[in-house]
Amino acid sequence: MNQEDIYSTVPEEAFLQKCEEPEHRRPILEFLQYNTGKFFTAKQIAKECGFPTTGTQVEVRKAITLLLEIDKQPIMSMVRGYGYVTTRSQMNFYADALEERLKGLLRRIQVVREIALDLEDPEWN
């Protein structure tokens, strides 16, 4: 799944600024770099960087995704929020955590498929 697919269901008007443009991601990057090693929720980042603080902060989340995937910035997303990190071990820890989440999703998919096999679907008979 590419980054366009991730946000394909989000209405265009949800992106009040064009996060695809690096200058709109810069305040978030600078804020996280200034606070290296600390973690912030998307709402806290939105407040500090002048983005909308209502809703789910989809604009901030997309900007952070682009900072990581396009700009290759070492930003972690953990339970307590987003943070800028500076060591290989921190990024490897994050990669390991993502891999564990993926394994969990793959297990869930298998269970859901097994359950689906046991269900009847009169519409398809």
PDB file of N, CA and C in Angstrom:
ATOM      1  N   MET A   1       0.852  -1.170   0.000  1.00  0.00           N
ATOM      2  CA  MET A   1       0.000   0.000   0.000  1.00  0.00           C
ATOM      3  C   MET A   1       0.897   1.232   0.000  1.00  0.00           C
ATOM      4  N   ASN A   2       0.693   2.127  -0.942  1.00  0.00           N
ATOM      5  CA  ASN A   2       1.508   3.338  -0.967  1.00  0.00           C
ATOM      6  C   ASN A   2       0.831   4.453  -0.180  1.00  0.00           C
ATOM      7  N   GLN A   3       1.559   5.550   0.018  1.00  0.00           N
ATOM      8  CA  GLN A   3       1.039   6.609   0.887  1.00  0.00           C
ATOM      9  C   GLN A   3      -0.207   7.272   0.315  1.00  0.00           C
ATOM     10  N   GLU A   4      -0.407   7.257  -1.009  1.00  0.00           N
ATOM     11  CA  GLU A   4      -1.629   7.819  -1.572  1.00  0.00           C
ATOM     12  C   GLU A   4      -2.841   6.987  -1.159  1.00  0.00           C
ATOM     13  N   ASP A   5      -2.688   5.650  -1.118  1.00  0.00           N
ATOM     14  CA  ASP A   5      -3.767   4.762  -0.723  1.00  0.00           C
ATOM     15  C   ASP A   5      -4.180   4.989   0.722  1.00  0.00           C
ATOM     16  N   ILE A   6      -3.220   5.254   1.584  1.00  0.00           N
ATOM     17  CA  ILE A   6      -3.502   5.423   3.004  1.00  0.00           C
ATOM     18  C   ILE A   6      -4.502   6.552   3.226  1.00  0.00           C
ATOM     19  N   TYR A   7      -4.375   7.627   2.477  1.00  0.00           N
ATOM     20  CA  TYR A   7      -5.215   8.801   2.683  1.00  0.00           C
ATOM     21  C   TYR A   7      -6.294   8.961   1.612  1.00  0.00           C
ATOM     22  N   SER A   8      -6.529   7.929   0.804  1.00  0.00           N
ATOM     23  CA  SER A   8      -7.464   8.044  -0.312  1.00  0.00           C
ATOM     24  C   SER A   8      -8.900   8.291   0.144  1.00  0.00           C
ATOM     25  N   THR A   9      -9.260   7.877   1.339  1.00  0.00           N
ATOM     26  CA  THR A   9     -10.629   8.067   1.807  1.00  0.00           C
ATOM     27  C   THR A   9     -10.827   9.380   2.564  1.00  0.00           C
ATOM     28  N   VAL A  10      -9.752  10.122   2.744  1.00  0.00           N
ATOM     29  CA  VAL A  10      -9.853  11.395   3.462  1.00  0.00           C
ATOM     30  C   VAL A  10     -10.246  12.479   2.470  1.00  0.00           C
ATOM     31  N   PRO A  11     -11.308  13.235   2.762  1.00  0.00           N
ATOM     32  CA  PRO A  11     -11.720  14.296   1.836  1.00  0.00           C
ATOM     33  C   PRO A  11     -10.608  15.324   1.651  1.00  0.00           C
ATOM     34  N   GLU A  12     -10.477  15.817   0.441  1.00  0.00           N
ATOM     35  CA  GLU A  12      -9.420  16.776   0.117  1.00  0.00           C
ATOM     36  C   GLU A  12      -9.482  18.008   1.022  1.00  0.00           C
ATOM     37  N   GLU A  13     -10.688  18.429   1.398  1.00  0.00           N
ATOM     38  CA  GLU A  13     -10.800  19.626   2.236  1.00  0.00           C
ATOM     39  C   GLU A  13     -10.213  19.426   3.628  1.00  0.00           C
ATOM     40  N   ALA A  14      -9.953  18.177   4.012  1.00  0.00           N
ATOM     41  CA  ALA A  14      -9.319  17.921   5.305  1.00  0.00           C
ATOM     42  C   ALA A  14      -7.881  18.423   5.318  1.00  0.00           C
ATOM     43  N   PHE A  15      -7.286  18.570   4.152  1.00  0.00           N
ATOM     44  CA  PHE A  15      -5.908  19.046   4.057  1.00  0.00           C
ATOM     45  C   PHE A  15      -5.929  20.543   3.755  1.00  0.00           C
ATOM     46  N   LEU A  16      -5.983  21.334   4.818  1.00  0.00           N
ATOM     47  CA  LEU A  16      -6.087  22.772   4.648  1.00  0.00           C
ATOM     48  C   LEU A  16      -4.821  23.370   4.066  1.00  0.00           C
ATOM     49  N   GLN A  17      -3.691  22.766   4.335  1.00  0.00           N
ATOM     50  CA  GLN A  17      -2.429  23.167   3.739  1.00  0.00           C
ATOM     51  C   GLN A  17      -1.947  22.000   2.897  1.00  0.00           C
ATOM     52  N   LYS A  18      -1.090  22.263   1.967  1.00  0.00           N
ATOM     53  CA  LYS A  18      -0.576  21.197   1.109  1.00  0.00           C
ATOM     54  C   LYS A  18       0.649  20.555   1.762  1.00  0.00           C
ATOM     55  N   CYS A  19       0.427  19.476   2.487  1.00  0.00           N
ATOM     56  CA  CYS A  19       1.510  18.790   3.202  1.00  0.00           C
ATOM     57  C   CYS A  19       2.524  18.190   2.245  1.00  0.00           C
ATOM     58  N   GLU A  20       2.128  18.036   0.987  1.00  0.00           N
ATOM     59  CA  GLU A  20       3.058  17.481   0.015  1.00  0.00           C
ATOM     60  C   GLU A  20       4.224  18.430  -0.239  1.00  0.00           C
ATOM     61  N   GLU A  21       4.053  19.700   0.077  1.00  0.00           N
ATOM     62  CA  GLU A  21       5.101  20.685  -0.142  1.00  0.00           C
ATOM     63  C   GLU A  21       5.986  20.758   1.103  1.00  0.00           C
ATOM     64  N   PRO A  22       7.306  20.603   0.926  1.00  0.00           N
ATOM     65  CA  PRO A  22       8.218  20.545   2.086  1.00  0.00           C
ATOM     66  C   PRO A  22       8.101  21.726   3.043  1.00  0.00           C
ATOM     67  N   GLU A  23       7.835  22.925   2.546  1.00  0.00           N
ATOM     68  CA  GLU A  23       7.775  24.077   3.458  1.00  0.00           C
ATOM     69  C   GLU A  23       6.614  23.985   4.449  1.00  0.00           C
ATOM     70  N   HIS A  24       5.605  23.180   4.148  1.00  0.00           N
ATOM     71  CA  HIS A  24       4.495  23.006   5.078  1.00  0.00           C
ATOM     72  C   HIS A  24       4.780  21.915   6.102  1.00  0.00           C
ATOM     73  N   ARG A  25       5.778  21.098   5.826  1.00  0.00           N
ATOM     74  CA  ARG A  25       6.193  20.077   6.796  1.00  0.00           C
ATOM     75  C   ARG A  25       7.273  20.607   7.730  1.00  0.00           C
ATOM     76  N   ARG A  26       7.954  21.650   7.306  1.00  0.00           N
ATOM     77  CA  ARG A  26       9.096  22.180   8.047  1.00  0.00           C
ATOM     78  C   ARG A  26       8.785  22.530   9.502  1.00  0.00           C
ATOM     79  N   PRO A  27       7.660  23.203   9.806  1.00  0.00           N
ATOM     80  CA  PRO A  27       7.410  23.533  11.229  1.00  0.00           C
ATOM     81  C   PRO A  27       7.321  22.294  12.114  1.00  0.00           C
ATOM     82  N   ILE A  28       6.741  21.237  11.599  1.00  0.00           N
ATOM     83  CA  ILE A  28       6.629  20.007  12.376  1.00  0.00           C
ATOM     84  C   ILE A  28       8.008  19.402  12.590  1.00  0.00           C
ATOM     85  N   LEU A  29       8.798  19.339  11.524  1.00  0.00           N
ATOM     86  CA  LEU A  29      10.150  18.796  11.640  1.00  0.00           C
ATOM     87  C   LEU A  29      10.975  19.605  12.631  1.00  0.00           C
ATOM     88  N   GLU A  30      10.936  20.910  12.520  1.00  0.00           N
ATOM     89  CA  GLU A  30      11.723  21.765  13.418  1.00  0.00           C
ATOM     90  C   GLU A  30      11.271  21.607  14.870  1.00  0.00           C
ATOM     91  N   PHE A  31       9.961  21.514  15.085  1.00  0.00           N
ATOM     92  CA  PHE A  31       9.447  21.329  16.439  1.00  0.00           C
ATOM     93  C   PHE A  31       9.935  20.006  17.027  1.00  0.00           C
ATOM     94  N   LEU A  32       9.828  18.930  16.244  1.00  0.00           N
ATOM     95  CA  LEU A  32      10.267  17.626  16.740  1.00  0.00           C
ATOM     96  C   LEU A  32      11.774  17.579  16.946  1.00  0.00           C
ATOM     97  N   GLN A  33      12.536  18.185  16.039  1.00  0.00           N
ATOM     98  CA  GLN A  33      13.993  18.217  16.199  1.00  0.00           C
ATOM     99  C   GLN A  33      14.388  19.003  17.447  1.00  0.00           C
ATOM    100  N   TYR A  34      13.734  20.125  17.679  1.00  0.00           N
ATOM    101  CA  TYR A  34      14.027  20.947  18.853  1.00  0.00           C
ATOM    102  C   TYR A  34      13.767  20.157  20.141  1.00  0.00           C
ATOM    103  N   ASN A  35      12.784  19.280  20.076  1.00  0.00           N
ATOM    104  CA  ASN A  35      12.388  18.479  21.240  1.00  0.00           C
ATOM    105  C   ASN A  35      12.813  17.020  21.085  1.00  0.00           C
ATOM    106  N   THR A  36      13.977  16.796  20.505  1.00  0.00           N
ATOM    107  CA  THR A  36      14.480  15.449  20.258  1.00  0.00           C
ATOM    108  C   THR A  36      14.374  14.578  21.503  1.00  0.00           C
ATOM    109  N   GLY A  37      13.851  13.370  21.303  1.00  0.00           N
ATOM    110  CA  GLY A  37      13.732  12.415  22.403  1.00  0.00           C
ATOM    111  C   GLY A  37      12.437  12.525  23.183  1.00  0.00           C
ATOM    112  N   LYS A  38      11.665  13.579  22.951  1.00  0.00           N
ATOM    113  CA  LYS A  38      10.364  13.734  23.606  1.00  0.00           C
ATOM    114  C   LYS A  38       9.282  13.336  22.611  1.00  0.00           C
ATOM    115  N   PHE A  39       8.145  12.908  23.135  1.00  0.00           N
ATOM    116  CA  PHE A  39       7.054  12.457  22.282  1.00  0.00           C
ATOM    117  C   PHE A  39       5.824  13.328  22.485  1.00  0.00           C
ATOM    118  N   PHE A  40       5.127  13.582  21.370  1.00  0.00           N
ATOM    119  CA  PHE A  40       3.973  14.474  21.376  1.00  0.00           C
ATOM    120  C   PHE A  40       2.842  13.856  20.567  1.00  0.00           C
ATOM    121  N   THR A  41       1.619  14.083  21.028  1.00  0.00           N
ATOM    122  CA  THR A  41       0.458  13.622  20.261  1.00  0.00           C
ATOM    123  C   THR A  41       0.298  14.509  19.028  1.00  0.00           C
ATOM    124  N   ALA A  42      -0.478  14.027  18.070  1.00  0.00           N
ATOM    125  CA  ALA A  42      -0.740  14.820  16.865  1.00  0.00           C
ATOM    126  C   ALA A  42      -1.414  16.140  17.237  1.00  0.00           C
ATOM    127  N   LYS A  43      -2.272  16.109  18.235  1.00  0.00           N
ATOM    128  CA  LYS A  43      -2.962  17.335  18.664  1.00  0.00           C
ATOM    129  C   LYS A  43      -1.971  18.330  19.271  1.00  0.00           C
ATOM    130  N   GLN A  44      -1.034  17.853  20.079  1.00  0.00           N
ATOM    131  CA  GLN A  44      -0.019  18.743  20.649  1.00  0.00           C
ATOM    132  C   GLN A  44       0.842  19.353  19.545  1.00  0.00           C
ATOM    133  N   ILE A  45       1.215  18.541  18.565  1.00  0.00           N
ATOM    134  CA  ILE A  45       2.028  19.047  17.450  1.00  0.00           C
ATOM    135  C   ILE A  45       1.238  20.077  16.659  1.00  0.00           C
ATOM    136  N   ALA A  46      -0.030  19.794  16.394  1.00  0.00           N
ATOM    137  CA  ALA A  46      -0.880  20.742  15.666  1.00  0.00           C
ATOM    138  C   ALA A  46      -0.933  22.083  16.385  1.00  0.00           C
ATOM    139  N   LYS A  47      -1.124  22.042  17.690  1.00  0.00           N
ATOM    140  CA  LYS A  47      -1.206  23.275  18.487  1.00  0.00           C
ATOM    141  C   LYS A  47       0.102  24.059  18.424  1.00  0.00           C
ATOM    142  N   GLU A  48       1.214  23.369  18.593  1.00  0.00           N
ATOM    143  CA  GLU A  48       2.522  24.034  18.604  1.00  0.00           C
ATOM    144  C   GLU A  48       2.934  24.569  17.234  1.00  0.00           C
ATOM    145  N   CYS A  49       2.444  23.938  16.174  1.00  0.00           N
ATOM    146  CA  CYS A  49       2.896  24.288  14.818  1.00  0.00           C
ATOM    147  C   CYS A  49       1.865  25.062  14.005  1.00  0.00           C
ATOM    148  N   GLY A  50       0.742  25.401  14.616  1.00  0.00           N
ATOM    149  CA  GLY A  50      -0.240  26.227  13.931  1.00  0.00           C
ATOM    150  C   GLY A  50      -1.167  25.497  12.981  1.00  0.00           C
ATOM    151  N   PHE A  51      -1.339  24.208  13.165  1.00  0.00           N
ATOM    152  CA  PHE A  51      -2.275  23.438  12.358  1.00  0.00           C
ATOM    153  C   PHE A  51      -3.603  23.347  13.109  1.00  0.00           C
ATOM    154  N   PRO A  52      -4.697  22.986  12.422  1.00  0.00           N
ATOM    155  CA  PRO A  52      -5.982  22.845  13.115  1.00  0.00           C
ATOM    156  C   PRO A  52      -5.883  21.809  14.236  1.00  0.00           C
ATOM    157  N   THR A  53      -6.517  22.111  15.360  1.00  0.00           N
ATOM    158  CA  THR A  53      -6.459  21.200  16.508  1.00  0.00           C
ATOM    159  C   THR A  53      -7.763  20.444  16.701  1.00  0.00           C
ATOM    160  N   THR A  54      -8.720  20.644  15.822  1.00  0.00           N
ATOM    161  CA  THR A  54      -9.971  19.897  15.919  1.00  0.00           C
ATOM    162  C   THR A  54      -9.869  18.629  15.084  1.00  0.00           C
ATOM    163  N   GLY A  55     -10.747  17.700  15.340  1.00  0.00           N
ATOM    164  CA  GLY A  55     -10.752  16.460  14.568  1.00  0.00           C
ATOM    165  C   GLY A  55      -9.595  15.553  14.928  1.00  0.00           C
ATOM    166  N   THR A  56      -9.102  14.828  13.943  1.00  0.00           N
ATOM    167  CA  THR A  56      -8.062  13.834  14.176  1.00  0.00           C
ATOM    168  C   THR A  56      -6.680  14.288  13.728  1.00  0.00           C
ATOM    169  N   GLN A  57      -6.530  15.534  13.373  1.00  0.00           N
ATOM    170  CA  GLN A  57      -5.246  16.090  12.939  1.00  0.00           C
ATOM    171  C   GLN A  57      -4.665  15.307  11.754  1.00  0.00           C
ATOM    172  N   VAL A  58      -5.532  14.981  10.796  1.00  0.00           N
ATOM    173  CA  VAL A  58      -5.094  14.194   9.647  1.00  0.00           C
ATOM    174  C   VAL A  58      -3.979  14.903   8.882  1.00  0.00           C
ATOM    175  N   GLU A  59      -4.016  16.221   8.871  1.00  0.00           N
ATOM    176  CA  GLU A  59      -2.983  16.970   8.161  1.00  0.00           C
ATOM    177  C   GLU A  59      -1.615  16.761   8.818  1.00  0.00           C
ATOM    178  N   VAL A  60      -1.577  16.800  10.130  1.00  0.00           N
ATOM    179  CA  VAL A  60      -0.329  16.580  10.863  1.00  0.00           C
ATOM    180  C   VAL A  60       0.147  15.145  10.650  1.00  0.00           C
ATOM    181  N   ARG A  61      -0.757  14.206  10.725  1.00  0.00           N
ATOM    182  CA  ARG A  61      -0.395  12.805  10.550  1.00  0.00           C
ATOM    183  C   ARG A  61       0.163  12.540   9.151  1.00  0.00           C
ATOM    184  N   LYS A  62      -0.463  13.141   8.145  1.00  0.00           N
ATOM    185  CA  LYS A  62       0.041  12.958   6.785  1.00  0.00           C
ATOM    186  C   LYS A  62       1.414  13.608   6.636  1.00  0.00           C
ATOM    187  N   ALA A  63       1.583  14.793   7.199  1.00  0.00           N
ATOM    188  CA  ALA A  63       2.877  15.473   7.121  1.00  0.00           C
ATOM    189  C   ALA A  63       3.975  14.618   7.768  1.00  0.00           C
ATOM    190  N   ILE A  64       3.660  14.003   8.894  1.00  0.00           N
ATOM    191  CA  ILE A  64       4.648  13.164   9.573  1.00  0.00           C
ATOM    192  C   ILE A  64       4.963  11.929   8.731  1.00  0.00           C
ATOM    193  N   THR A  65       3.949  11.346   8.118  1.00  0.00           N
ATOM    194  CA  THR A  65       4.183  10.215   7.215  1.00  0.00           C
ATOM    195  C   THR A  65       5.128  10.626   6.094  1.00  0.00           C
ATOM    196  N   LEU A  66       4.909  11.803   5.519  1.00  0.00           N
ATOM    197  CA  LEU A  66       5.765  12.279   4.431  1.00  0.00           C
ATOM    198  C   LEU A  66       7.171  12.603   4.926  1.00  0.00           C
ATOM    199  N   LEU A  67       7.277  13.161   6.134  1.00  0.00           N
ATOM    200  CA  LEU A  67       8.605  13.432   6.694  1.00  0.00           C
ATOM    201  C   LEU A  67       9.399  12.135   6.838  1.00  0.00           C
ATOM    202  N   LEU A  68       8.734  11.077   7.219  1.00  0.00           N
ATOM    203  CA  LEU A  68       9.398   9.789   7.378  1.00  0.00           C
ATOM    204  C   LEU A  68       9.672   9.129   6.025  1.00  0.00           C
ATOM    205  N   GLU A  69       8.638   9.004   5.192  1.00  0.00           N
ATOM    206  CA  GLU A  69       8.754   8.221   3.968  1.00  0.00           C
ATOM    207  C   GLU A  69       9.425   8.957   2.807  1.00  0.00           C
ATOM    208  N   ILE A  70       9.219  10.243   2.692  1.00  0.00           N
ATOM    209  CA  ILE A  70       9.788  11.015   1.586  1.00  0.00           C
ATOM    210  C   ILE A  70      11.103  11.690   1.998  1.00  0.00           C
ATOM    211  N   ASP A  71      11.054  12.384   3.145  1.00  0.00           N
ATOM    212  CA  ASP A  71      12.223  13.142   3.592  1.00  0.00           C
ATOM    213  C   ASP A  71      13.215  12.297   4.390  1.00  0.00           C
ATOM    214  N   LYS A  72      12.826  11.056   4.696  1.00  0.00           N
ATOM    215  CA  LYS A  72      13.694  10.118   5.420  1.00  0.00           C
ATOM    216  C   LYS A  72      14.169  10.675   6.763  1.00  0.00           C
ATOM    217  N   GLN A  73      13.266  11.343   7.481  1.00  0.00           N
ATOM    218  CA  GLN A  73      13.574  11.879   8.798  1.00  0.00           C
ATOM    219  C   GLN A  73      13.314  10.798   9.856  1.00  0.00           C
ATOM    220  N   PRO A  74      14.168  10.701  10.875  1.00  0.00           N
ATOM    221  CA  PRO A  74      14.025   9.656  11.896  1.00  0.00           C
ATOM    222  C   PRO A  74      12.953   9.997  12.927  1.00  0.00           C
ATOM    223  N   ILE A  75      11.708   9.813  12.519  1.00  0.00           N
ATOM    224  CA  ILE A  75      10.576  10.110  13.393  1.00  0.00           C
ATOM    225  C   ILE A  75       9.901   8.793  13.756  1.00  0.00           C
ATOM    226  N   MET A  76       9.694   8.602  15.056  1.00  0.00           N
ATOM    227  CA  MET A  76       9.027   7.402  15.563  1.00  0.00           C
ATOM    228  C   MET A  76       7.591   7.738  15.924  1.00  0.00           C
ATOM    229  N   SER A  77       6.724   6.772  15.734  1.00  0.00           N
ATOM    230  CA  SER A  77       5.348   6.884  16.179  1.00  0.00           C
ATOM    231  C   SER A  77       5.130   5.770  17.193  1.00  0.00           C
ATOM    232  N   MET A  78       4.952   6.164  18.439  1.00  0.00           N
ATOM    233  CA  MET A  78       4.755   5.185  19.501  1.00  0.00           C
ATOM    234  C   MET A  78       3.436   5.491  20.212  1.00  0.00           C
ATOM    235  N   VAL A  79       3.087   4.694  21.187  1.00  0.00           N
ATOM    236  CA  VAL A  79       1.834   4.871  21.916  1.00  0.00           C
ATOM    237  C   VAL A  79       1.717   6.289  22.480  1.00  0.00           C
ATOM    238  N   ARG A  80       2.814   6.826  22.958  1.00  0.00           N
ATOM    239  CA  ARG A  80       2.756   8.152  23.597  1.00  0.00           C
ATOM    240  C   ARG A  80       2.868   9.302  22.602  1.00  0.00           C
ATOM    241  N   GLY A  81       3.006   9.014  21.314  1.00  0.00           N
ATOM    242  CA  GLY A  81       3.022  10.065  20.309  1.00  0.00           C
ATOM    243  C   GLY A  81       4.178   9.935  19.340  1.00  0.00           C
ATOM    244  N   TYR A  82       4.482  11.050  18.694  1.00  0.00           N
ATOM    245  CA  TYR A  82       5.547  11.119  17.696  1.00  0.00           C
ATOM    246  C   TYR A  82       6.781  11.770  18.302  1.00  0.00           C
ATOM    247  N   GLY A  83       7.945  11.288  17.894  1.00  0.00           N
ATOM    248  CA  GLY A  83       9.175  11.879  18.389  1.00  0.00           C
ATOM    249  C   GLY A  83      10.299  11.761  17.374  1.00  0.00           C
ATOM    250  N   TYR A  84      11.207  12.710  17.438  1.00  0.00           N
ATOM    251  CA  TYR A  84      12.401  12.714  16.603  1.00  0.00           C
ATOM    252  C   TYR A  84      13.494  11.995  17.371  1.00  0.00           C
ATOM    253  N   VAL A  85      14.116  11.014  16.747  1.00  0.00           N
ATOM    254  CA  VAL A  85      15.149  10.236  17.415  1.00  0.00           C
ATOM    255  C   VAL A  85      16.467  10.362  16.660  1.00  0.00           C
ATOM    256  N   THR A  86      17.543   9.972  17.312  1.00  0.00           N
ATOM    257  CA  THR A  86      18.864  10.228  16.720  1.00  0.00           C
ATOM    258  C   THR A  86      19.776   9.011  16.645  1.00  0.00           C
ATOM    259  N   THR A  87      19.275   7.855  17.057  1.00  0.00           N
ATOM    260  CA  THR A  87      20.169   6.702  17.027  1.00  0.00           C
ATOM    261  C   THR A  87      19.612   5.575  16.169  1.00  0.00           C
ATOM    262  N   ARG A  88      20.522   4.785  15.649  1.00  0.00           N
ATOM    263  CA  ARG A  88      20.148   3.611  14.856  1.00  0.00           C
ATOM    264  C   ARG A  88      19.318   2.655  15.703  1.00  0.00           C
ATOM    265  N   SER A  89      19.701   2.468  16.964  1.00  0.00           N
ATOM    266  CA  SER A  89      18.981   1.518  17.816  1.00  0.00           C
ATOM    267  C   SER A  89      17.530   1.949  18.040  1.00  0.00           C
ATOM    268  N   GLN A  90      17.291   3.259  18.145  1.00  0.00           N
ATOM    269  CA  GLN A  90      15.918   3.737  18.308  1.00  0.00           C
ATOM    270  C   GLN A  90      15.083   3.426  17.061  1.00  0.00           C
ATOM    271  N   MET A  91      15.655   3.666  15.880  1.00  0.00           N
ATOM    272  CA  MET A  91      14.915   3.387  14.647  1.00  0.00           C
ATOM    273  C   MET A  91      14.732   1.893  14.451  1.00  0.00           C
ATOM    274  N   ASN A  92      15.718   1.094  14.844  1.00  0.00           N
ATOM    275  CA  ASN A  92      15.553  -0.360  14.758  1.00  0.00           C
ATOM    276  C   ASN A  92      14.476  -0.843  15.726  1.00  0.00           C
ATOM    277  N   PHE A  93      14.416  -0.240  16.907  1.00  0.00           N
ATOM    278  CA  PHE A  93      13.361  -0.559  17.866  1.00  0.00           C
ATOM    279  C   PHE A  93      11.996  -0.268  17.248  1.00  0.00           C
ATOM    280  N   TYR A  94      11.878   0.877  16.585  1.00  0.00           N
ATOM    281  CA  TYR A  94      10.627   1.263  15.931  1.00  0.00           C
ATOM    282  C   TYR A  94      10.285   0.274  14.814  1.00  0.00           C
ATOM    283  N   ALA A  95      11.277  -0.097  13.996  1.00  0.00           N
ATOM    284  CA  ALA A  95      11.043  -1.066  12.924  1.00  0.00           C
ATOM    285  C   ALA A  95      10.560  -2.390  13.506  1.00  0.00           C
ATOM    286  N   ASP A  96      11.171  -2.820  14.615  1.00  0.00           N
ATOM    287  CA  ASP A  96      10.756  -4.063  15.269  1.00  0.00           C
ATOM    288  C   ASP A  96       9.311  -3.961  15.764  1.00  0.00           C
ATOM    289  N   ALA A  97       8.961  -2.818  16.341  1.00  0.00           N
ATOM    290  CA  ALA A  97       7.593  -2.617  16.829  1.00  0.00           C
ATOM    291  C   ALA A  97       6.597  -2.661  15.667  1.00  0.00           C
ATOM    292  N   LEU A  98       6.954  -2.042  14.540  1.00  0.00           N
ATOM    293  CA  LEU A  98       6.083  -2.087  13.362  1.00  0.00           C
ATOM    294  C   LEU A  98       5.931  -3.515  12.854  1.00  0.00           C
ATOM    295  N   GLU A  99       7.019  -4.259  12.868  1.00  0.00           N
ATOM    296  CA  GLU A  99       6.972  -5.642  12.413  1.00  0.00           C
ATOM    297  C   GLU A  99       6.069  -6.484  13.311  1.00  0.00           C
ATOM    298  N   GLU A 100       6.118  -6.265  14.610  1.00  0.00           N
ATOM    299  CA  GLU A 100       5.247  -6.990  15.536  1.00  0.00           C
ATOM    300  C   GLU A 100       3.783  -6.654  15.276  1.00  0.00           C
ATOM    301  N   ARG A 101       3.497  -5.370  15.006  1.00  0.00           N
ATOM    302  CA  ARG A 101       2.127  -4.973  14.671  1.00  0.00           C
ATOM    303  C   ARG A 101       1.665  -5.677  13.400  1.00  0.00           C
ATOM    304  N   LEU A 102       2.561  -5.753  12.417  1.00  0.00           N
ATOM    305  CA  LEU A 102       2.236  -6.422  11.163  1.00  0.00           C
ATOM    306  C   LEU A 102       1.944  -7.904  11.401  1.00  0.00           C
ATOM    307  N   LYS A 103       2.755  -8.563  12.210  1.00  0.00           N
ATOM    308  CA  LYS A 103       2.526  -9.974  12.522  1.00  0.00           C
ATOM    309  C   LYS A 103       1.159 -10.151  13.183  1.00  0.00           C
ATOM    310  N   GLY A 104       0.818  -9.238  14.078  1.00  0.00           N
ATOM    311  CA  GLY A 104      -0.489  -9.290  14.732  1.00  0.00           C
ATOM    312  C   GLY A 104      -1.626  -9.140  13.734  1.00  0.00           C
ATOM    313  N   LEU A 105      -1.465  -8.224  12.792  1.00  0.00           N
ATOM    314  CA  LEU A 105      -2.490  -8.043  11.762  1.00  0.00           C
ATOM    315  C   LEU A 105      -2.609  -9.279  10.871  1.00  0.00           C
ATOM    316  N   LEU A 106      -1.485  -9.879  10.528  1.00  0.00           N
ATOM    317  CA  LEU A 106      -1.522 -11.087   9.706  1.00  0.00           C
ATOM    318  C   LEU A 106      -2.220 -12.231  10.436  1.00  0.00           C
ATOM    319  N   ARG A 107      -1.962 -12.357  11.751  1.00  0.00           N
ATOM    320  CA  ARG A 107      -2.665 -13.379  12.544  1.00  0.00           C
ATOM    321  C   ARG A 107      -4.167 -13.105  12.550  1.00  0.00           C
ATOM    322  N   ARG A 108      -4.541 -11.840  12.726  1.00  0.00           N
ATOM    323  CA  ARG A 108      -5.955 -11.482  12.759  1.00  0.00           C
ATOM    324  C   ARG A 108      -6.618 -11.782  11.425  1.00  0.00           C
ATOM    325  N   ILE A 109      -5.943 -11.481  10.326  1.00  0.00           N
ATOM    326  CA  ILE A 109      -6.495 -11.775   8.999  1.00  0.00           C
ATOM    327  C   ILE A 109      -6.771 -13.265   8.866  1.00  0.00           C
ATOM    328  N   GLN A 110      -5.837 -14.094   9.303  1.00  0.00           N
ATOM    329  CA  GLN A 110      -6.009 -15.549   9.219  1.00  0.00           C
ATOM    330  C   GLN A 110      -7.218 -15.999  10.028  1.00  0.00           C
ATOM    331  N   VAL A 111      -7.377 -15.480  11.237  1.00  0.00           N
ATOM    332  CA  VAL A 111      -8.513 -15.853  12.080  1.00  0.00           C
ATOM    333  C   VAL A 111      -9.816 -15.408  11.433  1.00  0.00           C
ATOM    334  N   VAL A 112      -9.848 -14.204  10.903  1.00  0.00           N
ATOM    335  CA  VAL A 112     -11.065 -13.697  10.257  1.00  0.00           C
ATOM    336  C   VAL A 112     -11.434 -14.577   9.067  1.00  0.00           C
ATOM    337  N   ARG A 113     -10.438 -14.988   8.286  1.00  0.00           N
ATOM    338  CA  ARG A 113     -10.707 -15.879   7.136  1.00  0.00           C
ATOM    339  C   ARG A 113     -11.235 -17.234   7.608  1.00  0.00           C
ATOM    340  N   GLU A 114     -10.697 -17.752   8.716  1.00  0.00           N
ATOM    341  CA  GLU A 114     -11.184 -19.023   9.258  1.00  0.00           C
ATOM    342  C   GLU A 114     -12.628 -18.886   9.722  1.00  0.00           C
ATOM    343  N   ILE A 115     -12.940 -17.788  10.389  1.00  0.00           N
ATOM    344  CA  ILE A 115     -14.309 -17.547  10.835  1.00  0.00           C
ATOM    345  C   ILE A 115     -15.233 -17.433   9.630  1.00  0.00           C
ATOM    346  N   ALA A 116     -14.784 -16.725   8.594  1.00  0.00           N
ATOM    347  CA  ALA A 116     -15.605 -16.546   7.396  1.00  0.00           C
ATOM    348  C   ALA A 116     -15.958 -17.899   6.768  1.00  0.00           C
ATOM    349  N   LEU A 117     -15.039 -18.855   6.817  1.00  0.00           N
ATOM    350  CA  LEU A 117     -15.312 -20.172   6.248  1.00  0.00           C
ATOM    351  C   LEU A 117     -16.454 -20.882   6.977  1.00  0.00           C
ATOM    352  N   ASP A 118     -16.608 -20.582   8.262  1.00  0.00           N
ATOM    353  CA  ASP A 118     -17.650 -21.220   9.063  1.00  0.00           C
ATOM    354  C   ASP A 118     -19.012 -20.547   8.939  1.00  0.00           C
ATOM    355  N   LEU A 119     -19.047 -19.376   8.341  1.00  0.00           N
ATOM    356  CA  LEU A 119     -20.313 -18.646   8.240  1.00  0.00           C
ATOM    357  C   LEU A 119     -21.039 -18.996   6.939  1.00  0.00           C
ATOM    358  N   GLU A 120     -22.340 -18.964   7.021  1.00  0.00           N
ATOM    359  CA  GLU A 120     -23.141 -19.145   5.822  1.00  0.00           C
ATOM    360  C   GLU A 120     -23.464 -17.769   5.257  1.00  0.00           C
ATOM    361  N   ASP A 121     -23.565 -17.715   3.966  1.00  0.00           N
ATOM    362  CA  ASP A 121     -23.919 -16.460   3.314  1.00  0.00           C
ATOM    363  C   ASP A 121     -25.040 -16.739   2.326  1.00  0.00           C
ATOM    364  N   PRO A 122     -26.302 -16.594   2.770  1.00  0.00           N
ATOM    365  CA  PRO A 122     -27.429 -16.940   1.919  1.00  0.00           C
ATOM    366  C   PRO A 122     -27.462 -16.154   0.601  1.00  0.00           C
ATOM    367  N   GLU A 123     -26.900 -14.973   0.587  1.00  0.00           N
ATOM    368  CA  GLU A 123     -26.893 -14.169  -0.641  1.00  0.00           C
ATOM    369  C   GLU A 123     -26.050 -14.817  -1.729  1.00  0.00           C
ATOM    370  N   TRP A 124     -25.089 -15.641  -1.340  1.00  0.00           N
ATOM    371  CA  TRP A 124     -24.167 -16.228  -2.313  1.00  0.00           C
ATOM    372  C   TRP A 124     -24.498 -17.675  -2.642  1.00  0.00           C
ATOM    373  N   ASN A 125     -25.508 -18.238  -2.020  1.00  0.00           N
ATOM    374  CA  ASN A 125     -25.855 -19.645  -2.283  1.00  0.00           C
ATOM    375  C   ASN A 125     -26.678 -19.786  -3.535  1.00  0.00           C
TER     376      ASN A 125
END
